[in-house]
Each structure stands twice: as C-alpha cells, then as structure tokens.
C-alpha cells in the first residue's frame, strides 16, 4: 500500500510523541494501520509525505542511490540573485559536506493553503518563491542550503517525490496511490 499525505505545518512525521508537551503526530489523521513514513519531513515543513507498509518500496523511495527527485516550493527572505541561484545549482558546502547540485528556478507565488501560524511579513524585507529539486535528503537540507546562500527559508512545502505529487490534497488529507479503493478515514 502506498499513501500520499499532505502533512500540515507543526505535525511530527511519526505516530507517537513522548515529549513532555505532546505535539500533533500522524496518528491524528486516520491513516491506515500498518503504514509508516517513507522518509521524513520536518515539524515546521509542509506537504507531501509518502507512507507505505512495504519495506522494499520505502527503500526505493528514500535511498539516495535510487535518486528519486524531491520537489520543494520554498519561500525565502530576500530577492534571489542569479549568483545565489547558481550556487544552489552547483551544490552548496555545508557542515556535513557539499550538497549535490540542485535544479532551481524562481517561482511565482503559488496558490497554497494558508499556513497556521502565518509566515511573518515585513514590509521592508522582500521575499520570493523558488522551486528546488533535490536528489538527496539530508536533515533540514533545503533550509541549510538557502541559508548558506543568504536566503533564509520562511516556508517550505514539498510538492512531489518522483512521480508522486500533492495534486490538490488539502493539509491533513491523504489518498491511496496504489489504485485500490481508499479506506474510510
């Protein structure tokens, strides 16, 4: 079974939380029993998360050797210059080593759902949207890459993993991708 889930902002990519002040988890969304995330998406990131009950499929989706492209829409603080975009395209040196080259382009502000809490707005500081496509998945990689080129991330939404896309799923909604009828949520 393969599930596409639109993970809302402020939700952990796990089914339990043992912290003293429990946070929202995947268990809050009526997902089918026996599935687990194929990869991760940070607590403060949103968008496509794939879940499966098939370990081999999870491996194919997440192992960097299989080079599944992951597409992100990133709202950044600042006005990206061509030199900054080129640095992202070539790969950025980070504390844990250089990143692989990324595909990046400017993006018109996408039609997305409102985020709660909303992204801070400052009249004196411009912001912009980028589409960034990676073929690796390090911890907080997109945020670290944009910060390294002087464009701090304000909002991060993953819209695709390989051929799988959000395609109209609202935050907190999920659908099966394997062609079987969906279970009731």
C-alpha atoms as a PDB file:
ATOM      1  CA  UNK A   1       0.000   0.000   0.000  1.00  0.00           C
ATOM      2  CA  UNK A   2       1.242   3.494  -0.834  1.00  0.00           C
ATOM      3  CA  UNK A   3      -0.351   6.596   0.690  1.00  0.00           C
ATOM      4  CA  UNK A   4       0.129  10.270  -0.233  1.00  0.00           C
ATOM      5  CA  UNK A   5      -0.432  12.538   2.773  1.00  0.00           C
ATOM      6  CA  UNK A   6      -0.322  16.330   2.911  1.00  0.00           C
ATOM      7  CA  UNK A   7       1.487  16.878   6.203  1.00  0.00           C
ATOM      8  CA  UNK A   8       0.410  20.117   7.854  1.00  0.00           C
ATOM      9  CA  UNK A   9       2.817  22.533   9.481  1.00  0.00           C
ATOM     10  CA  UNK A  10       3.512  21.573  13.109  1.00  0.00           C
ATOM     11  CA  UNK A  11       2.989  17.809  12.785  1.00  0.00           C
ATOM     12  CA  UNK A  12       5.629  15.205  13.651  1.00  0.00           C
ATOM     13  CA  UNK A  13       6.471  12.596  10.990  1.00  0.00           C
ATOM     14  CA  UNK A  14       5.843   9.771  13.433  1.00  0.00           C
ATOM     15  CA  UNK A  15       2.841   8.176  15.113  1.00  0.00           C
ATOM     16  CA  UNK A  16       3.827   8.850  18.737  1.00  0.00           C
ATOM     17  CA  UNK A  17       5.380  11.708  20.680  1.00  0.00           C
ATOM     18  CA  UNK A  18       6.982  11.112  24.046  1.00  0.00           C
ATOM     19  CA  UNK A  19       7.822  14.760  24.713  1.00  0.00           C
ATOM     20  CA  UNK A  20       6.530  16.384  27.935  1.00  0.00           C
ATOM     21  CA  UNK A  21       4.199  18.618  25.909  1.00  0.00           C
ATOM     22  CA  UNK A  22       2.815  16.248  23.246  1.00  0.00           C
ATOM     23  CA  UNK A  23       2.617  17.546  19.706  1.00  0.00           C
ATOM     24  CA  UNK A  24       0.396  16.507  16.810  1.00  0.00           C
ATOM     25  CA  UNK A  25       1.507  13.306  15.092  1.00  0.00           C
ATOM     26  CA  UNK A  26       0.492  11.188  12.112  1.00  0.00           C
ATOM     27  CA  UNK A  27      -1.828   9.258  14.451  1.00  0.00           C
ATOM     28  CA  UNK A  28      -4.185  12.273  14.395  1.00  0.00           C
ATOM     29  CA  UNK A  29      -5.181  11.812  10.726  1.00  0.00           C
ATOM     30  CA  UNK A  30      -6.915   8.429  10.361  1.00  0.00           C
ATOM     31  CA  UNK A  31      -4.187   6.837   8.270  1.00  0.00           C
ATOM     32  CA  UNK A  32      -4.465   3.078   7.601  1.00  0.00           C
ATOM     33  CA  UNK A  33      -2.949   0.739  10.171  1.00  0.00           C
ATOM     34  CA  UNK A  34       0.479  -0.682   9.409  1.00  0.00           C
ATOM     35  CA  UNK A  35       1.846   2.145   7.276  1.00  0.00           C
ATOM     36  CA  UNK A  36       4.927   4.169   8.164  1.00  0.00           C
ATOM     37  CA  UNK A  37       6.635   7.180   6.572  1.00  0.00           C
ATOM     38  CA  UNK A  38       8.976   6.580   3.649  1.00  0.00           C
ATOM     39  CA  UNK A  39      11.296   9.438   4.549  1.00  0.00           C
ATOM     40  CA  UNK A  40      10.743  12.457   6.744  1.00  0.00           C
ATOM     41  CA  UNK A  41       9.511  15.998   6.599  1.00  0.00           C
ATOM     42  CA  UNK A  42      10.472  18.420   9.354  1.00  0.00           C
ATOM     43  CA  UNK A  43       7.982  19.515  12.013  1.00  0.00           C
ATOM     44  CA  UNK A  44       7.983  23.035  10.546  1.00  0.00           C
ATOM     45  CA  UNK A  45       7.729  21.909   6.906  1.00  0.00           C
ATOM     46  CA  UNK A  46       4.580  21.041   4.996  1.00  0.00           C
ATOM     47  CA  UNK A  47       3.500  18.968   2.066  1.00  0.00           C
ATOM     48  CA  UNK A  48       3.855  15.546   0.528  1.00  0.00           C
ATOM     49  CA  UNK A  49       4.767  12.648   2.767  1.00  0.00           C
ATOM     50  CA  UNK A  50       4.581   9.112   1.396  1.00  0.00           C
ATOM     51  CA  UNK A  51       3.628   6.274   3.735  1.00  0.00           C
ATOM     52  CA  UNK A  52       3.763   2.558   2.991  1.00  0.00           C
ATOM     53  CA  UNK A  53       3.534  -0.882   4.543  1.00  0.00           C
ATOM     54  CA  UNK A  54       6.147  -2.213   2.077  1.00  0.00           C
ATOM     55  CA  UNK A  55       9.765  -2.027   3.310  1.00  0.00           C
ATOM     56  CA  UNK A  56      11.268  -2.609  -0.159  1.00  0.00           C
ATOM     57  CA  UNK A  57       9.167   0.206  -1.604  1.00  0.00           C
ATOM     58  CA  UNK A  58      10.148   2.520   1.254  1.00  0.00           C
ATOM     59  CA  UNK A  59      13.807   1.751   0.489  1.00  0.00           C
ATOM     60  CA  UNK A  60      13.362   2.525  -3.234  1.00  0.00           C
ATOM     61  CA  UNK A  61      11.652   5.817  -2.387  1.00  0.00           C
ATOM     62  CA  UNK A  62      14.220   7.021   0.156  1.00  0.00           C
ATOM     63  CA  UNK A  63      17.638   5.562  -0.683  1.00  0.00           C
ATOM     64  CA  UNK A  64      19.794   8.230  -2.423  1.00  0.00           C
ATOM     65  CA  UNK A  65      21.154   5.549  -4.789  1.00  0.00           C
ATOM     66  CA  UNK A  66      17.705   5.427  -6.413  1.00  0.00           C
ATOM     67  CA  UNK A  67      17.857   9.218  -6.947  1.00  0.00           C
ATOM     68  CA  UNK A  68      14.147   9.971  -6.533  1.00  0.00           C
ATOM     69  CA  UNK A  69      13.841  13.722  -7.153  1.00  0.00           C
ATOM     70  CA  UNK A  70      12.094  15.648  -4.385  1.00  0.00           C
ATOM     71  CA  UNK A  71      10.476  18.924  -5.427  1.00  0.00           C
ATOM     72  CA  UNK A  72      10.030  21.763  -2.934  1.00  0.00           C
ATOM     73  CA  UNK A  73       8.430  25.173  -3.139  1.00  0.00           C
ATOM     74  CA  UNK A  74      10.431  27.443  -0.876  1.00  0.00           C
ATOM     75  CA  UNK A  75       9.522  30.931   0.257  1.00  0.00           C
ATOM     76  CA  UNK A  76      12.764  32.724   1.057  1.00  0.00           C
ATOM     77  CA  UNK A  77      13.592  36.022   2.676  1.00  0.00           C
ATOM     78  CA  UNK A  78      15.317  38.338   0.237  1.00  0.00           C
ATOM     79  CA  UNK A  79      15.423  38.806  -3.509  1.00  0.00           C
ATOM     80  CA  UNK A  80      17.393  35.927  -5.089  1.00  0.00           C
ATOM     81  CA  UNK A  81      20.138  36.996  -7.445  1.00  0.00           C
ATOM     82  CA  UNK A  82      21.433  34.868 -10.287  1.00  0.00           C
ATOM     83  CA  UNK A  83      24.703  34.220  -8.392  1.00  0.00           C
ATOM     84  CA  UNK A  84      22.768  32.783  -5.426  1.00  0.00           C
ATOM     85  CA  UNK A  85      20.681  30.559  -7.689  1.00  0.00           C
ATOM     86  CA  UNK A  86      23.816  29.368  -9.491  1.00  0.00           C
ATOM     87  CA  UNK A  87      25.412  28.394  -6.172  1.00  0.00           C
ATOM     88  CA  UNK A  88      22.358  26.253  -5.392  1.00  0.00           C
ATOM     89  CA  UNK A  89      22.546  24.695  -8.870  1.00  0.00           C
ATOM     90  CA  UNK A  90      26.212  23.789  -8.381  1.00  0.00           C
ATOM     91  CA  UNK A  91      25.852  22.433  -4.840  1.00  0.00           C
ATOM     92  CA  UNK A  92      26.452  24.218  -1.574  1.00  0.00           C
ATOM     93  CA  UNK A  93      29.153  23.423   1.012  1.00  0.00           C
ATOM     94  CA  UNK A  94      27.512  22.571   4.349  1.00  0.00           C
ATOM     95  CA  UNK A  95      28.998  21.463   7.666  1.00  0.00           C
ATOM     96  CA  UNK A  96      28.387  17.798   6.726  1.00  0.00           C
ATOM     97  CA  UNK A  97      29.908  18.180   3.236  1.00  0.00           C
ATOM     98  CA  UNK A  98      28.896  19.633  -0.111  1.00  0.00           C
ATOM     99  CA  UNK A  99      25.403  19.013  -1.431  1.00  0.00           C
ATOM    100  CA  UNK A 100      24.702  17.524  -4.805  1.00  0.00           C
ATOM    101  CA  UNK A 101      23.724  20.023  -7.487  1.00  0.00           C
ATOM    102  CA  UNK A 102      20.060  21.054  -7.368  1.00  0.00           C
ATOM    103  CA  UNK A 103      17.639  22.242 -10.003  1.00  0.00           C
ATOM    104  CA  UNK A 104      16.337  25.646  -9.007  1.00  0.00           C
ATOM    105  CA  UNK A 105      14.169  28.309 -10.587  1.00  0.00           C
ATOM    106  CA  UNK A 106      12.226  31.343  -9.496  1.00  0.00           C
ATOM    107  CA  UNK A 107       8.537  30.686  -8.996  1.00  0.00           C
ATOM    108  CA  UNK A 108       5.516  32.983  -8.971  1.00  0.00           C
ATOM    109  CA  UNK A 109       3.847  32.870  -5.554  1.00  0.00           C
ATOM    110  CA  UNK A 110       1.953  29.556  -5.672  1.00  0.00           C
ATOM    111  CA  UNK A 111      -1.708  29.175  -4.765  1.00  0.00           C
ATOM    112  CA  UNK A 112      -1.311  27.383  -1.438  1.00  0.00           C
ATOM    113  CA  UNK A 113      -3.482  26.946   1.613  1.00  0.00           C
ATOM    114  CA  UNK A 114      -2.965  29.453   4.440  1.00  0.00           C
ATOM    115  CA  UNK A 115      -0.419  28.367   6.999  1.00  0.00           C
ATOM    116  CA  UNK A 116      -1.179  28.443  10.717  1.00  0.00           C
ATOM    117  CA  UNK A 117       0.612  30.282  12.154  1.00  0.00           C
ATOM    118  CA  UNK A 118       1.136  32.550   9.150  1.00  0.00           C
ATOM    119  CA  UNK A 119       4.623  33.326   7.861  1.00  0.00           C
ATOM    120  CA  UNK A 120       5.893  36.605   9.271  1.00  0.00           C
ATOM    121  CA  UNK A 121       5.571  39.545   6.921  1.00  0.00           C
ATOM    122  CA  UNK A 122       7.908  42.540   6.964  1.00  0.00           C
ATOM    123  CA  UNK A 123       7.268  45.499   4.677  1.00  0.00           C
ATOM    124  CA  UNK A 124      10.960  46.377   4.441  1.00  0.00           C
ATOM    125  CA  UNK A 125      12.231  42.887   3.568  1.00  0.00           C
ATOM    126  CA  UNK A 126      11.272  41.307   0.238  1.00  0.00           C
ATOM    127  CA  UNK A 127      10.536  37.629  -0.125  1.00  0.00           C
ATOM    128  CA  UNK A 128      10.432  35.301  -3.117  1.00  0.00           C
ATOM    129  CA  UNK A 129       9.468  31.761  -4.044  1.00  0.00           C
ATOM    130  CA  UNK A 130      11.805  29.157  -5.513  1.00  0.00           C
ATOM    131  CA  UNK A 131      11.246  25.677  -6.838  1.00  0.00           C
ATOM    132  CA  UNK A 132      14.109  23.474  -5.675  1.00  0.00           C
ATOM    133  CA  UNK A 133      14.575  19.864  -6.833  1.00  0.00           C
ATOM    134  CA  UNK A 134      16.985  17.662  -4.869  1.00  0.00           C
ATOM    135  CA  UNK A 135      18.153  14.092  -5.316  1.00  0.00           C
ATOM    136  CA  UNK A 136      19.341  13.634  -1.747  1.00  0.00           C
ATOM    137  CA  UNK A 137      17.691  14.175   1.598  1.00  0.00           C
ATOM    138  CA  UNK A 138      19.837  15.375   4.453  1.00  0.00           C
ATOM    139  CA  UNK A 139      18.488  16.734   7.708  1.00  0.00           C
ATOM    140  CA  UNK A 140      16.970  20.195   7.101  1.00  0.00           C
ATOM    141  CA  UNK A 141      18.881  20.328   3.813  1.00  0.00           C
ATOM    142  CA  UNK A 142      16.734  22.844   1.926  1.00  0.00           C
ATOM    143  CA  UNK A 143      16.757  25.279   4.850  1.00  0.00           C
ATOM    144  CA  UNK A 144      20.522  24.925   5.273  1.00  0.00           C
ATOM    145  CA  UNK A 145      21.158  25.362   1.532  1.00  0.00           C
ATOM    146  CA  UNK A 146      19.084  28.524   1.186  1.00  0.00           C
ATOM    147  CA  UNK A 147      20.613  29.980   4.367  1.00  0.00           C
ATOM    148  CA  UNK A 148      24.116  29.229   3.026  1.00  0.00           C
ATOM    149  CA  UNK A 149      23.449  31.454   0.012  1.00  0.00           C
ATOM    150  CA  UNK A 150      21.903  34.251   2.086  1.00  0.00           C
ATOM    151  CA  UNK A 151      18.229  33.401   1.532  1.00  0.00           C
ATOM    152  CA  UNK A 152      16.704  32.148   4.804  1.00  0.00           C
ATOM    153  CA  UNK A 153      13.664  29.889   4.358  1.00  0.00           C
ATOM    154  CA  UNK A 154      10.346  31.291   5.550  1.00  0.00           C
ATOM    155  CA  UNK A 155       8.053  28.491   4.326  1.00  0.00           C
ATOM    156  CA  UNK A 156       8.858  25.063   2.897  1.00  0.00           C
ATOM    157  CA  UNK A 157       6.353  22.869   1.056  1.00  0.00           C
ATOM    158  CA  UNK A 158       7.285  19.547  -0.585  1.00  0.00           C
ATOM    159  CA  UNK A 159       5.062  19.123  -3.651  1.00  0.00           C
ATOM    160  CA  UNK A 160       6.491  15.949  -5.246  1.00  0.00           C
ATOM    161  CA  UNK A 161       8.598  12.856  -4.695  1.00  0.00           C
ATOM    162  CA  UNK A 162       9.496  11.249  -8.006  1.00  0.00           C
ATOM    163  CA  UNK A 163       6.232  10.911  -9.969  1.00  0.00           C
ATOM    164  CA  UNK A 164       4.046  11.317  -6.871  1.00  0.00           C
ATOM    165  CA  UNK A 165       2.504  14.778  -6.369  1.00  0.00           C
ATOM    166  CA  UNK A 166       0.221  16.518  -3.878  1.00  0.00           C
ATOM    167  CA  UNK A 167      -2.325  17.197  -6.646  1.00  0.00           C
ATOM    168  CA  UNK A 168      -4.991  19.016  -4.671  1.00  0.00           C
ATOM    169  CA  UNK A 169      -4.698  17.273  -1.297  1.00  0.00           C
ATOM    170  CA  UNK A 170      -5.544  19.727   1.464  1.00  0.00           C
ATOM    171  CA  UNK A 171      -3.420  19.738   4.633  1.00  0.00           C
ATOM    172  CA  UNK A 172      -4.250  16.666   6.725  1.00  0.00           C
ATOM    173  CA  UNK A 173      -5.831  14.775   3.805  1.00  0.00           C
ATOM    174  CA  UNK A 174      -4.496  11.530   2.339  1.00  0.00           C
ATOM    175  CA  UNK A 175      -5.211   9.194  -0.576  1.00  0.00           C
ATOM    176  CA  UNK A 176      -4.040   5.805  -1.751  1.00  0.00           C
ATOM    177  CA  UNK A 177      -1.711   5.798  -4.728  1.00  0.00           C
ATOM    178  CA  UNK A 178      -1.814   2.091  -5.449  1.00  0.00           C
ATOM    179  CA  UNK A 179      -5.167   2.020  -7.280  1.00  0.00           C
ATOM    180  CA  UNK A 180      -7.132   0.312  -4.500  1.00  0.00           C
ATOM    181  CA  UNK A 181     -10.231   1.924  -3.053  1.00  0.00           C
ATOM    182  CA  UNK A 182      -9.436   4.262  -0.153  1.00  0.00           C
ATOM    183  CA  UNK A 183     -10.144   3.196   3.382  1.00  0.00           C
ATOM    184  CA  UNK A 184     -12.557   5.399   5.249  1.00  0.00           C
ATOM    185  CA  UNK A 185     -10.781   7.923   7.428  1.00  0.00           C
END
